[in-house]
Amino acid sequence: MNRYEQESGQGGPFAGLTPDRVLALVEGALGRRCVNLCRPMNSYINRVFELEDEAGRGLIVKFYRPGRWSRQGLRDEHEFLAELAGQEIPVIAPLRLQGGSTFGEADGLCFAVFPKKGGRLVDEYSDAQWLELGRLLGRTHMVGAARRPADRPLLVPWQTTRSQVDLLLDGGFVPADLCPAFRDLAERLIRETSPMFRDTELIRIHGDCHSANFIHRPGESFYLIDLDDMVVGPPVQDIWMLLPGSPDEALAELEILLEGYETFRPFDRHSLRLIEPLRAMRFIHYAAWCARQVADDGHSVVMPDFGTRAYWEAEIRDLADQLGRIESASPLTGNF
């Protein structure tokens, strides 16, 4: 049984999304008829379905999980996508619905409809593709730097990481006897890394920029997809997640990526020192993400052992190791 079936059976927030209901909502929102296709697609947070209209055009409808984003936060994401598309940057922007908005509302759910664009994931990039990805990110960040969103998280230790640590501790997700060790490490991370972010440029970025969020369309280019986790943060966040290893281990890829990036936008090499702090923040981010799954659904299909003693013991060890790396600051990332 997949998560869609589990949640529907449990009467969760998406339980009413039967195929008939999904088709009716999309047809009403777009003002066009769809064929009898409603195929669920993989999504941990939202509910996503593939549809097709009578003209044979593929559609993707995304129903956003209640409580994850404010309506203004959704507008921020959609406005960023529209700005990127307006500059001919390869993203997949939502369609305008009847009435002019890009998201609809029904049964307490917000939803958006996107044109379907097929593509393939690339497991290993060539030098030319690293260059292309760098150019794509440089162009994306040019647009991202133009203005701030109204209601998107700020990716800095004293805000994002602080709220995630509070969620994990206050929500009772960490075993009581392990709380002091986790709290001490998290507080140390926030205290020691916050000064590194104080004078850093913070702009609209993708925020979850790993290889699975790029699709390659033969004859076209890479497309940057899934901006659900768009944040205001340091541009280097969208760089390090793409690398196949640490900066020391992936120096050649990093250099080519930045060469492409700097075709369109200067990159602050000093910000490479934020990579290991951002990696440590990512550890906490992922644990908090799993915790929210448990809080929402009563279970987590992403990490089967999440919440167990073994999970938290490993998490504490990993966080301690990562703090050691930060404190011993690689010459590369500390002074590139």
C-alpha atoms as a PDB file:
ATOM      1  CA  MET A   1       0.000   0.000   0.000  1.00  0.00           C
ATOM      2  CA  ASN A   2       1.487   3.371  -0.969  1.00  0.00           C
ATOM      3  CA  ARG A   3       1.254   6.511   1.137  1.00  0.00           C
ATOM      4  CA  TYR A   4      -1.592   7.923  -0.964  1.00  0.00           C
ATOM      5  CA  GLU A   5      -3.677   4.839  -0.183  1.00  0.00           C
ATOM      6  CA  GLN A   6      -2.684   4.864   3.490  1.00  0.00           C
ATOM      7  CA  GLU A   7      -3.603   8.479   3.997  1.00  0.00           C
ATOM      8  CA  SER A   8      -6.851   8.212   2.051  1.00  0.00           C
ATOM      9  CA  GLY A   9      -7.857   5.289   4.231  1.00  0.00           C
ATOM     10  CA  GLN A  10      -6.988   7.234   7.366  1.00  0.00           C
ATOM     11  CA  GLY A  11      -9.120  10.239   6.427  1.00  0.00           C
ATOM     12  CA  GLY A  12      -6.123  12.575   6.115  1.00  0.00           C
ATOM     13  CA  PRO A  13      -6.265  16.019   4.503  1.00  0.00           C
ATOM     14  CA  PHE A  14      -6.133  14.500   1.016  1.00  0.00           C
ATOM     15  CA  ALA A  15      -8.717  11.773   1.608  1.00  0.00           C
ATOM     16  CA  GLY A  16     -11.340  13.512  -0.521  1.00  0.00           C
ATOM     17  CA  LEU A  17      -9.126  13.613  -3.612  1.00  0.00           C
ATOM     18  CA  THR A  18     -10.844  10.890  -5.570  1.00  0.00           C
ATOM     19  CA  PRO A  19     -10.154  10.807  -9.324  1.00  0.00           C
ATOM     20  CA  ASP A  20     -13.590  12.290 -10.052  1.00  0.00           C
ATOM     21  CA  ARG A  21     -12.982  15.118  -7.605  1.00  0.00           C
ATOM     22  CA  VAL A  22      -9.513  15.880  -8.965  1.00  0.00           C
ATOM     23  CA  LEU A  23     -10.767  15.948 -12.559  1.00  0.00           C
ATOM     24  CA  ALA A  24     -13.712  18.160 -11.668  1.00  0.00           C
ATOM     25  CA  LEU A  25     -11.509  20.671  -9.831  1.00  0.00           C
ATOM     26  CA  VAL A  26      -8.976  20.925 -12.648  1.00  0.00           C
ATOM     27  CA  GLU A  27     -11.632  21.182 -15.359  1.00  0.00           C
ATOM     28  CA  GLY A  28     -13.386  23.952 -13.425  1.00  0.00           C
ATOM     29  CA  ALA A  29     -10.128  25.791 -12.740  1.00  0.00           C
ATOM     30  CA  LEU A  30      -8.868  25.660 -16.326  1.00  0.00           C
ATOM     31  CA  GLY A  31     -12.194  25.835 -18.152  1.00  0.00           C
ATOM     32  CA  ARG A  32     -11.311  22.862 -20.327  1.00  0.00           C
ATOM     33  CA  ARG A  33     -12.285  19.213 -20.411  1.00  0.00           C
ATOM     34  CA  CYS A  34      -9.946  16.399 -19.420  1.00  0.00           C
ATOM     35  CA  VAL A  35      -9.879  12.785 -20.530  1.00  0.00           C
ATOM     36  CA  ASN A  36     -10.435   9.992 -18.039  1.00  0.00           C
ATOM     37  CA  LEU A  37      -6.829   9.892 -16.795  1.00  0.00           C
ATOM     38  CA  CYS A  38      -5.878  10.610 -13.188  1.00  0.00           C
ATOM     39  CA  ARG A  39      -2.581   8.983 -12.278  1.00  0.00           C
ATOM     40  CA  PRO A  40      -1.087   9.549  -8.766  1.00  0.00           C
ATOM     41  CA  MET A  41       2.584  10.499  -8.798  1.00  0.00           C
ATOM     42  CA  ASN A  42       5.199  10.151  -6.077  1.00  0.00           C
ATOM     43  CA  SER A  43       5.253  13.010  -3.580  1.00  0.00           C
ATOM     44  CA  TYR A  44       6.084  12.862   0.123  1.00  0.00           C
ATOM     45  CA  ILE A  45       4.557  16.193   1.136  1.00  0.00           C
ATOM     46  CA  ASN A  46       1.885  17.112  -1.401  1.00  0.00           C
ATOM     47  CA  ARG A  47      -0.496  15.126  -3.576  1.00  0.00           C
ATOM     48  CA  VAL A  48       0.359  15.175  -7.265  1.00  0.00           C
ATOM     49  CA  PHE A  49      -1.598  13.721 -10.203  1.00  0.00           C
ATOM     50  CA  GLU A  50      -0.964  13.426 -13.927  1.00  0.00           C
ATOM     51  CA  LEU A  51      -3.923  14.380 -16.151  1.00  0.00           C
ATOM     52  CA  GLU A  52      -4.523  15.035 -19.828  1.00  0.00           C
ATOM     53  CA  ASP A  53      -6.945  17.407 -21.514  1.00  0.00           C
ATOM     54  CA  GLU A  54      -9.045  16.562 -24.565  1.00  0.00           C
ATOM     55  CA  ALA A  55      -6.504  18.237 -26.843  1.00  0.00           C
ATOM     56  CA  GLY A  56      -3.895  15.698 -25.697  1.00  0.00           C
ATOM     57  CA  ARG A  57      -1.919  18.161 -23.569  1.00  0.00           C
ATOM     58  CA  GLY A  58      -0.390  16.597 -20.454  1.00  0.00           C
ATOM     59  CA  LEU A  59      -1.076  18.311 -17.134  1.00  0.00           C
ATOM     60  CA  ILE A  60       0.292  17.953 -13.608  1.00  0.00           C
ATOM     61  CA  VAL A  61      -1.870  19.091 -10.697  1.00  0.00           C
ATOM     62  CA  LYS A  62      -0.285  19.602  -7.281  1.00  0.00           C
ATOM     63  CA  PHE A  63      -2.375  19.791  -4.120  1.00  0.00           C
ATOM     64  CA  TYR A  64      -0.349  21.467  -1.384  1.00  0.00           C
ATOM     65  CA  ARG A  65      -0.324  19.994   2.101  1.00  0.00           C
ATOM     66  CA  PRO A  66      -2.294  22.259   4.458  1.00  0.00           C
ATOM     67  CA  GLY A  67      -0.225  24.166   6.983  1.00  0.00           C
ATOM     68  CA  ARG A  68       3.107  23.811   5.183  1.00  0.00           C
ATOM     69  CA  TRP A  69       3.012  27.149   3.347  1.00  0.00           C
ATOM     70  CA  SER A  70       0.904  30.257   3.708  1.00  0.00           C
ATOM     71  CA  ARG A  71      -1.037  31.506   0.723  1.00  0.00           C
ATOM     72  CA  GLN A  72       1.468  34.344   0.432  1.00  0.00           C
ATOM     73  CA  GLY A  73       4.275  31.794   0.526  1.00  0.00           C
ATOM     74  CA  LEU A  74       2.684  29.983  -2.420  1.00  0.00           C
ATOM     75  CA  ARG A  75       2.380  33.289  -4.268  1.00  0.00           C
ATOM     76  CA  ASP A  76       6.081  33.908  -3.593  1.00  0.00           C
ATOM     77  CA  GLU A  77       6.984  30.574  -5.214  1.00  0.00           C
ATOM     78  CA  HIS A  78       4.715  31.144  -8.201  1.00  0.00           C
ATOM     79  CA  GLU A  79       5.906  34.725  -8.694  1.00  0.00           C
ATOM     80  CA  PHE A  80       9.530  33.578  -8.669  1.00  0.00           C
ATOM     81  CA  LEU A  81       8.721  30.929 -11.271  1.00  0.00           C
ATOM     82  CA  ALA A  82       6.912  33.502 -13.418  1.00  0.00           C
ATOM     83  CA  GLU A  83       9.884  35.879 -13.211  1.00  0.00           C
ATOM     84  CA  LEU A  84      12.291  33.105 -14.173  1.00  0.00           C
ATOM     85  CA  ALA A  85      10.112  31.993 -17.092  1.00  0.00           C
ATOM     86  CA  GLY A  86       9.813  35.639 -18.173  1.00  0.00           C
ATOM     87  CA  GLN A  87      13.597  35.717 -18.534  1.00  0.00           C
ATOM     88  CA  GLU A  88      13.454  32.501 -20.599  1.00  0.00           C
ATOM     89  CA  ILE A  89      15.116  30.507 -17.840  1.00  0.00           C
ATOM     90  CA  PRO A  90      14.057  26.836 -18.172  1.00  0.00           C
ATOM     91  CA  VAL A  91      11.612  26.234 -15.339  1.00  0.00           C
ATOM     92  CA  ILE A  92       8.058  24.888 -15.331  1.00  0.00           C
ATOM     93  CA  ALA A  93       5.735  27.677 -14.232  1.00  0.00           C
ATOM     94  CA  PRO A  94       2.113  27.059 -13.159  1.00  0.00           C
ATOM     95  CA  LEU A  95      -0.698  27.776 -15.597  1.00  0.00           C
ATOM     96  CA  ARG A  96      -3.033  30.719 -15.151  1.00  0.00           C
ATOM     97  CA  LEU A  97      -6.431  29.557 -13.956  1.00  0.00           C
ATOM     98  CA  GLN A  98      -9.766  31.140 -14.718  1.00  0.00           C
ATOM     99  CA  GLY A  99      -9.815  34.404 -12.799  1.00  0.00           C
ATOM    100  CA  GLY A 100      -6.103  35.012 -13.341  1.00  0.00           C
ATOM    101  CA  SER A 101      -4.578  33.345 -10.260  1.00  0.00           C
ATOM    102  CA  THR A 102      -2.037  30.531 -10.473  1.00  0.00           C
ATOM    103  CA  PHE A 103      -3.485  28.573  -7.556  1.00  0.00           C
ATOM    104  CA  GLY A 104      -6.980  27.464  -6.766  1.00  0.00           C
ATOM    105  CA  GLU A 105      -8.641  26.561  -3.469  1.00  0.00           C
ATOM    106  CA  ALA A 106     -11.173  23.871  -2.655  1.00  0.00           C
ATOM    107  CA  ASP A 107     -12.040  21.745   0.372  1.00  0.00           C
ATOM    108  CA  GLY A 108      -9.394  23.520   2.443  1.00  0.00           C
ATOM    109  CA  LEU A 109      -6.662  22.677  -0.084  1.00  0.00           C
ATOM    110  CA  CYS A 110      -4.653  24.950  -2.387  1.00  0.00           C
ATOM    111  CA  PHE A 111      -3.667  23.540  -5.753  1.00  0.00           C
ATOM    112  CA  ALA A 112      -1.814  24.519  -8.912  1.00  0.00           C
ATOM    113  CA  VAL A 113      -1.769  23.078 -12.427  1.00  0.00           C
ATOM    114  CA  PHE A 114       1.411  22.797 -14.463  1.00  0.00           C
ATOM    115  CA  PRO A 115       2.069  21.750 -18.058  1.00  0.00           C
ATOM    116  CA  LYS A 116       3.618  18.287 -18.156  1.00  0.00           C
ATOM    117  CA  LYS A 117       7.200  18.275 -19.387  1.00  0.00           C
ATOM    118  CA  GLY A 118       9.011  14.977 -19.629  1.00  0.00           C
ATOM    119  CA  GLY A 119      12.726  14.665 -19.109  1.00  0.00           C
ATOM    120  CA  ARG A 120      15.352  12.411 -17.625  1.00  0.00           C
ATOM    121  CA  LEU A 121      17.580  12.637 -14.593  1.00  0.00           C
ATOM    122  CA  VAL A 122      21.314  12.645 -15.230  1.00  0.00           C
ATOM    123  CA  ASP A 123      23.368  10.520 -12.840  1.00  0.00           C
ATOM    124  CA  GLU A 124      26.796  11.803 -13.808  1.00  0.00           C
ATOM    125  CA  TYR A 125      27.437  15.149 -15.482  1.00  0.00           C
ATOM    126  CA  SER A 126      29.942  15.791 -18.241  1.00  0.00           C
ATOM    127  CA  ASP A 127      32.158  18.886 -18.108  1.00  0.00           C
ATOM    128  CA  ALA A 128      29.842  20.585 -20.600  1.00  0.00           C
ATOM    129  CA  GLN A 129      26.843  19.798 -18.403  1.00  0.00           C
ATOM    130  CA  TRP A 130      28.541  21.155 -15.258  1.00  0.00           C
ATOM    131  CA  LEU A 131      29.131  24.348 -17.209  1.00  0.00           C
ATOM    132  CA  GLU A 132      25.498  24.433 -18.319  1.00  0.00           C
ATOM    133  CA  LEU A 133      24.242  23.899 -14.758  1.00  0.00           C
ATOM    134  CA  GLY A 134      26.464  26.730 -13.551  1.00  0.00           C
ATOM    135  CA  ARG A 135      25.031  29.072 -16.172  1.00  0.00           C
ATOM    136  CA  LEU A 136      21.498  28.033 -15.222  1.00  0.00           C
ATOM    137  CA  LEU A 137      22.114  28.737 -11.535  1.00  0.00           C
ATOM    138  CA  GLY A 138      23.834  32.039 -12.294  1.00  0.00           C
ATOM    139  CA  ARG A 139      20.836  33.206 -14.324  1.00  0.00           C
ATOM    140  CA  THR A 140      18.419  31.931 -11.661  1.00  0.00           C
ATOM    141  CA  HIS A 141      20.240  33.845  -8.930  1.00  0.00           C
ATOM    142  CA  MET A 142      20.286  37.019 -11.031  1.00  0.00           C
ATOM    143  CA  VAL A 143      16.502  36.953 -10.916  1.00  0.00           C
ATOM    144  CA  GLY A 144      16.485  35.803  -7.303  1.00  0.00           C
ATOM    145  CA  ALA A 145      18.553  38.788  -6.212  1.00  0.00           C
ATOM    146  CA  ALA A 146      16.128  41.291  -7.757  1.00  0.00           C
ATOM    147  CA  ARG A 147      13.796  41.389  -4.752  1.00  0.00           C
ATOM    148  CA  ARG A 148      12.807  39.614  -1.545  1.00  0.00           C
ATOM    149  CA  PRO A 149       9.697  37.425  -1.170  1.00  0.00           C
ATOM    150  CA  ALA A 150       7.037  38.341   1.378  1.00  0.00           C
ATOM    151  CA  ASP A 151       6.763  35.068   3.315  1.00  0.00           C
ATOM    152  CA  ARG A 152       9.570  32.599   2.753  1.00  0.00           C
ATOM    153  CA  PRO A 153      12.026  31.200   5.345  1.00  0.00           C
ATOM    154  CA  LEU A 154      15.427  32.775   5.923  1.00  0.00           C
ATOM    155  CA  LEU A 155      18.121  30.079   5.669  1.00  0.00           C
ATOM    156  CA  VAL A 156      20.352  31.145   8.550  1.00  0.00           C
ATOM    157  CA  PRO A 157      21.215  29.234  11.743  1.00  0.00           C
ATOM    158  CA  TRP A 158      19.533  31.631  14.160  1.00  0.00           C
ATOM    159  CA  GLN A 159      16.190  31.373  12.365  1.00  0.00           C
ATOM    160  CA  THR A 160      15.681  28.211  10.294  1.00  0.00           C
ATOM    161  CA  THR A 161      17.873  25.886  12.347  1.00  0.00           C
ATOM    162  CA  ARG A 162      16.637  27.357  15.623  1.00  0.00           C
ATOM    163  CA  SER A 163      12.992  26.677  14.721  1.00  0.00           C
ATOM    164  CA  GLN A 164      13.831  23.121  13.610  1.00  0.00           C
ATOM    165  CA  VAL A 165      15.727  22.341  16.817  1.00  0.00           C
ATOM    166  CA  ASP A 166      12.790  23.679  18.853  1.00  0.00           C
ATOM    167  CA  LEU A 167      10.389  21.477  16.879  1.00  0.00           C
ATOM    168  CA  LEU A 168      12.462  18.355  17.541  1.00  0.00           C
ATOM    169  CA  LEU A 169      12.987  19.012  21.246  1.00  0.00           C
ATOM    170  CA  ASP A 170       9.623  20.533  22.160  1.00  0.00           C
ATOM    171  CA  GLY A 171       7.765  17.923  20.132  1.00  0.00           C
ATOM    172  CA  GLY A 172       9.277  15.030  22.063  1.00  0.00           C
ATOM    173  CA  PHE A 173      10.913  13.455  19.014  1.00  0.00           C
ATOM    174  CA  VAL A 174      14.315  12.967  20.681  1.00  0.00           C
ATOM    175  CA  PRO A 175      14.563  10.352  23.480  1.00  0.00           C
ATOM    176  CA  ALA A 176      14.665  12.161  26.821  1.00  0.00           C
ATOM    177  CA  ASP A 177      18.094  10.896  27.861  1.00  0.00           C
ATOM    178  CA  LEU A 178      19.585  11.931  24.496  1.00  0.00           C
ATOM    179  CA  CYS A 179      18.076  15.440  24.540  1.00  0.00           C
ATOM    180  CA  PRO A 180      21.001  17.060  26.411  1.00  0.00           C
ATOM    181  CA  ALA A 181      23.587  15.776  23.906  1.00  0.00           C
ATOM    182  CA  PHE A 182      21.492  16.799  20.901  1.00  0.00           C
ATOM    183  CA  ARG A 183      20.646  20.189  22.412  1.00  0.00           C
ATOM    184  CA  ASP A 184      24.283  20.936  23.237  1.00  0.00           C
ATOM    185  CA  LEU A 185      25.459  20.094  19.714  1.00  0.00           C
ATOM    186  CA  ALA A 186      22.646  22.072  18.075  1.00  0.00           C
ATOM    187  CA  GLU A 187      23.281  25.101  20.289  1.00  0.00           C
ATOM    188  CA  ARG A 188      26.986  24.891  19.504  1.00  0.00           C
ATOM    189  CA  LEU A 189      26.242  24.758  15.791  1.00  0.00           C
ATOM    190  CA  ILE A 190      23.985  27.813  15.949  1.00  0.00           C
ATOM    191  CA  ARG A 191      26.388  29.767  18.163  1.00  0.00           C
ATOM    192  CA  GLU A 192      29.550  29.017  16.193  1.00  0.00           C
ATOM    193  CA  THR A 193      28.191  29.325  12.657  1.00  0.00           C
ATOM    194  CA  SER A 194      25.844  32.306  12.994  1.00  0.00           C
ATOM    195  CA  PRO A 195      28.676  34.886  12.717  1.00  0.00           C
ATOM    196  CA  MET A 196      29.685  33.351   9.364  1.00  0.00           C
ATOM    197  CA  PHE A 197      26.272  34.289   7.905  1.00  0.00           C
ATOM    198  CA  ARG A 198      26.060  37.858   9.223  1.00  0.00           C
ATOM    199  CA  ASP A 199      27.673  39.595   6.240  1.00  0.00           C
ATOM    200  CA  THR A 200      26.626  37.071   3.604  1.00  0.00           C
ATOM    201  CA  GLU A 201      24.408  37.958   0.651  1.00  0.00           C
ATOM    202  CA  LEU A 202      20.933  36.438   1.102  1.00  0.00           C
ATOM    203  CA  ILE A 203      18.690  36.146  -1.962  1.00  0.00           C
ATOM    204  CA  ARG A 204      15.855  34.012  -3.316  1.00  0.00           C
ATOM    205  CA  ILE A 205      17.319  30.594  -4.097  1.00  0.00           C
ATOM    206  CA  HIS A 206      15.984  27.139  -4.929  1.00  0.00           C
ATOM    207  CA  GLY A 207      17.015  25.817  -1.512  1.00  0.00           C
ATOM    208  CA  ASP A 208      16.812  22.093  -2.332  1.00  0.00           C
ATOM    209  CA  CYS A 209      19.086  22.092  -5.348  1.00  0.00           C
ATOM    210  CA  HIS A 210      20.180  18.460  -5.723  1.00  0.00           C
ATOM    211  CA  SER A 211      20.462  16.523  -8.968  1.00  0.00           C
ATOM    212  CA  ALA A 212      16.924  15.068  -8.745  1.00  0.00           C
ATOM    213  CA  ASN A 213      15.567  18.590  -9.170  1.00  0.00           C
ATOM    214  CA  PHE A 214      17.060  18.969 -12.640  1.00  0.00           C
ATOM    215  CA  ILE A 215      15.614  17.203 -15.641  1.00  0.00           C
ATOM    216  CA  HIS A 216      17.323  17.085 -19.002  1.00  0.00           C
ATOM    217  CA  ARG A 217      15.262  17.458 -22.156  1.00  0.00           C
ATOM    218  CA  PRO A 218      17.181  16.282 -25.249  1.00  0.00           C
ATOM    219  CA  GLY A 219      17.488  19.066 -27.794  1.00  0.00           C
ATOM    220  CA  GLU A 220      16.673  21.688 -25.165  1.00  0.00           C
ATOM    221  CA  SER A 221      18.501  22.064 -21.871  1.00  0.00           C
ATOM    222  CA  PHE A 222      18.334  21.280 -18.191  1.00  0.00           C
ATOM    223  CA  TYR A 223      15.137  22.381 -16.469  1.00  0.00           C
ATOM    224  CA  LEU A 224      15.177  23.444 -12.824  1.00  0.00           C
ATOM    225  CA  ILE A 225      12.105  21.942 -11.142  1.00  0.00           C
ATOM    226  CA  ASP A 226      10.313  21.719  -7.784  1.00  0.00           C
ATOM    227  CA  LEU A 227      10.773  25.087  -6.087  1.00  0.00           C
ATOM    228  CA  ASP A 228       8.559  24.108  -3.125  1.00  0.00           C
ATOM    229  CA  ASP A 229      11.462  24.677  -0.721  1.00  0.00           C
ATOM    230  CA  MET A 230      12.422  28.098  -2.100  1.00  0.00           C
ATOM    231  CA  VAL A 231      14.077  30.160   0.625  1.00  0.00           C
ATOM    232  CA  VAL A 232      16.025  33.347   1.129  1.00  0.00           C
ATOM    233  CA  GLY A 233      19.577  32.169   1.660  1.00  0.00           C
ATOM    234  CA  PRO A 234      23.212  32.305   0.540  1.00  0.00           C
ATOM    235  CA  PRO A 235      23.720  31.433  -3.153  1.00  0.00           C
ATOM    236  CA  VAL A 236      26.285  28.775  -2.191  1.00  0.00           C
ATOM    237  CA  GLN A 237      23.412  26.635  -0.854  1.00  0.00           C
ATOM    238  CA  ASP A 238      22.390  25.899  -4.459  1.00  0.00           C
ATOM    239  CA  ILE A 239      25.994  25.056  -5.340  1.00  0.00           C
ATOM    240  CA  TRP A 240      27.154  22.600  -2.684  1.00  0.00           C
ATOM    241  CA  MET A 241      24.173  20.232  -2.920  1.00  0.00           C
ATOM    242  CA  LEU A 242      25.054  19.457  -6.533  1.00  0.00           C
ATOM    243  CA  LEU A 243      28.660  18.471  -5.851  1.00  0.00           C
ATOM    244  CA  PRO A 244      29.503  14.724  -5.821  1.00  0.00           C
ATOM    245  CA  GLY A 245      31.561  15.170  -2.641  1.00  0.00           C
ATOM    246  CA  SER A 246      33.139  17.787  -0.413  1.00  0.00           C
ATOM    247  CA  PRO A 247      34.740  20.787  -2.158  1.00  0.00           C
ATOM    248  CA  ASP A 248      38.169  19.214  -1.612  1.00  0.00           C
ATOM    249  CA  GLU A 249      36.984  15.989  -3.276  1.00  0.00           C
ATOM    250  CA  ALA A 250      35.092  17.706  -6.107  1.00  0.00           C
ATOM    251  CA  LEU A 251      37.409  20.583  -6.927  1.00  0.00           C
ATOM    252  CA  ALA A 252      37.278  20.052 -10.711  1.00  0.00           C
ATOM    253  CA  GLU A 253      33.463  19.963 -10.779  1.00  0.00           C
ATOM    254  CA  LEU A 254      33.245  22.992  -8.505  1.00  0.00           C
ATOM    255  CA  GLU A 255      35.568  25.034 -10.708  1.00  0.00           C
ATOM    256  CA  ILE A 256      33.588  24.245 -13.874  1.00  0.00           C
ATOM    257  CA  LEU A 257      30.270  24.915 -12.125  1.00  0.00           C
ATOM    258  CA  LEU A 258      31.494  28.299 -10.912  1.00  0.00           C
ATOM    259  CA  GLU A 259      32.950  29.117 -14.325  1.00  0.00           C
ATOM    260  CA  GLY A 260      29.481  28.701 -15.816  1.00  0.00           C
ATOM    261  CA  TYR A 261      27.870  30.599 -12.924  1.00  0.00           C
ATOM    262  CA  GLU A 262      30.195  33.582 -13.304  1.00  0.00           C
ATOM    263  CA  THR A 263      29.280  33.908 -16.978  1.00  0.00           C
ATOM    264  CA  PHE A 264      26.165  35.654 -15.680  1.00  0.00           C
ATOM    265  CA  ARG A 265      26.797  36.615 -12.062  1.00  0.00           C
ATOM    266  CA  PRO A 266      29.788  37.115  -9.761  1.00  0.00           C
ATOM    267  CA  PHE A 267      30.203  34.441  -7.103  1.00  0.00           C
ATOM    268  CA  ASP A 268      31.640  35.224  -3.685  1.00  0.00           C
ATOM    269  CA  ARG A 269      34.345  32.562  -3.259  1.00  0.00           C
ATOM    270  CA  HIS A 270      34.608  33.463   0.417  1.00  0.00           C
ATOM    271  CA  SER A 271      31.096  32.028   0.866  1.00  0.00           C
ATOM    272  CA  LEU A 272      32.464  28.517   0.196  1.00  0.00           C
ATOM    273  CA  ARG A 273      33.309  28.437   3.915  1.00  0.00           C
ATOM    274  CA  LEU A 274      29.545  28.140   4.526  1.00  0.00           C
ATOM    275  CA  ILE A 275      29.336  24.724   2.852  1.00  0.00           C
ATOM    276  CA  GLU A 276      30.108  22.633   5.937  1.00  0.00           C
ATOM    277  CA  PRO A 277      27.842  24.745   8.221  1.00  0.00           C
ATOM    278  CA  LEU A 278      25.065  24.391   5.632  1.00  0.00           C
ATOM    279  CA  ARG A 279      25.661  20.638   5.505  1.00  0.00           C
ATOM    280  CA  ALA A 280      25.283  20.443   9.304  1.00  0.00           C
ATOM    281  CA  MET A 281      22.117  22.546   9.088  1.00  0.00           C
ATOM    282  CA  ARG A 282      20.862  20.076   6.490  1.00  0.00           C
ATOM    283  CA  PHE A 283      21.214  17.215   8.981  1.00  0.00           C
ATOM    284  CA  ILE A 284      18.865  19.030  11.364  1.00  0.00           C
ATOM    285  CA  HIS A 285      16.591  20.125   8.523  1.00  0.00           C
ATOM    286  CA  TYR A 286      16.086  16.522   7.414  1.00  0.00           C
ATOM    287  CA  ALA A 287      15.349  15.296  10.948  1.00  0.00           C
ATOM    288  CA  ALA A 288      12.818  18.107  11.385  1.00  0.00           C
ATOM    289  CA  TRP A 289      11.297  17.270   7.992  1.00  0.00           C
ATOM    290  CA  CYS A 290      10.793  13.658   9.076  1.00  0.00           C
ATOM    291  CA  ALA A 291       9.346  14.865  12.382  1.00  0.00           C
ATOM    292  CA  ARG A 292       6.772  16.939  10.547  1.00  0.00           C
ATOM    293  CA  GLN A 293       5.771  13.854   8.574  1.00  0.00           C
ATOM    294  CA  VAL A 294       5.159  12.016  11.821  1.00  0.00           C
ATOM    295  CA  ALA A 295       3.248  14.968  13.281  1.00  0.00           C
ATOM    296  CA  ASP A 296       1.069  15.217  10.171  1.00  0.00           C
ATOM    297  CA  ASP A 297       0.439  11.543   9.495  1.00  0.00           C
ATOM    298  CA  GLY A 298       1.430   9.528  12.531  1.00  0.00           C
ATOM    299  CA  HIS A 299       4.094   7.737  10.485  1.00  0.00           C
ATOM    300  CA  SER A 300       7.032   8.426   8.198  1.00  0.00           C
ATOM    301  CA  VAL A 301       7.700   6.490   5.021  1.00  0.00           C
ATOM    302  CA  VAL A 302      10.895   8.387   4.256  1.00  0.00           C
ATOM    303  CA  MET A 303      13.065   7.022   7.060  1.00  0.00           C
ATOM    304  CA  PRO A 304      11.619   3.798   8.511  1.00  0.00           C
ATOM    305  CA  ASP A 305      13.739   3.970  11.677  1.00  0.00           C
ATOM    306  CA  PHE A 306      13.133   7.661  12.325  1.00  0.00           C
ATOM    307  CA  GLY A 307      12.612   8.365  16.012  1.00  0.00           C
ATOM    308  CA  THR A 308      14.277   5.182  17.231  1.00  0.00           C
ATOM    309  CA  ARG A 309      17.128   5.316  19.686  1.00  0.00           C
ATOM    310  CA  ALA A 310      19.522   4.006  17.032  1.00  0.00           C
ATOM    311  CA  TYR A 311      18.469   6.802  14.664  1.00  0.00           C
ATOM    312  CA  TRP A 312      19.141   9.553  17.232  1.00  0.00           C
ATOM    313  CA  GLU A 313      22.430   8.034  18.389  1.00  0.00           C
ATOM    314  CA  ALA A 314      23.629   8.039  14.760  1.00  0.00           C
ATOM    315  CA  GLU A 315      22.300  11.573  14.240  1.00  0.00           C
ATOM    316  CA  ILE A 316      24.192  12.842  17.291  1.00  0.00           C
ATOM    317  CA  ARG A 317      27.420  11.140  16.142  1.00  0.00           C
ATOM    318  CA  ASP A 318      27.078  12.603  12.641  1.00  0.00           C
ATOM    319  CA  LEU A 319      26.373  16.081  13.958  1.00  0.00           C
ATOM    320  CA  ALA A 320      29.386  15.903  16.293  1.00  0.00           C
ATOM    321  CA  ASP A 321      31.611  14.775  13.393  1.00  0.00           C
ATOM    322  CA  GLN A 322      30.330  17.584  11.205  1.00  0.00           C
ATOM    323  CA  LEU A 323      30.973  20.175  13.899  1.00  0.00           C
ATOM    324  CA  GLY A 324      34.527  18.866  14.065  1.00  0.00           C
ATOM    325  CA  ARG A 325      34.900  19.501  10.341  1.00  0.00           C
ATOM    326  CA  ILE A 326      33.564  23.034  10.731  1.00  0.00           C
ATOM    327  CA  GLU A 327      35.924  23.792  13.574  1.00  0.00           C
ATOM    328  CA  SER A 328      38.924  22.422  11.699  1.00  0.00           C
ATOM    329  CA  ALA A 329      37.928  24.534   8.617  1.00  0.00           C
ATOM    330  CA  SER A 330      39.461  23.221   5.406  1.00  0.00           C
ATOM    331  CA  PRO A 331      41.928  25.645   3.822  1.00  0.00           C
ATOM    332  CA  LEU A 332      39.925  25.286   0.600  1.00  0.00           C
ATOM    333  CA  THR A 333      36.569  26.357   1.951  1.00  0.00           C
ATOM    334  CA  GLY A 334      38.021  28.759   4.495  1.00  0.00           C
ATOM    335  CA  ASN A 335      40.221  30.619   2.030  1.00  0.00           C
ATOM    336  CA  PHE A 336      39.476  29.624  -1.554  1.00  0.00           C
END
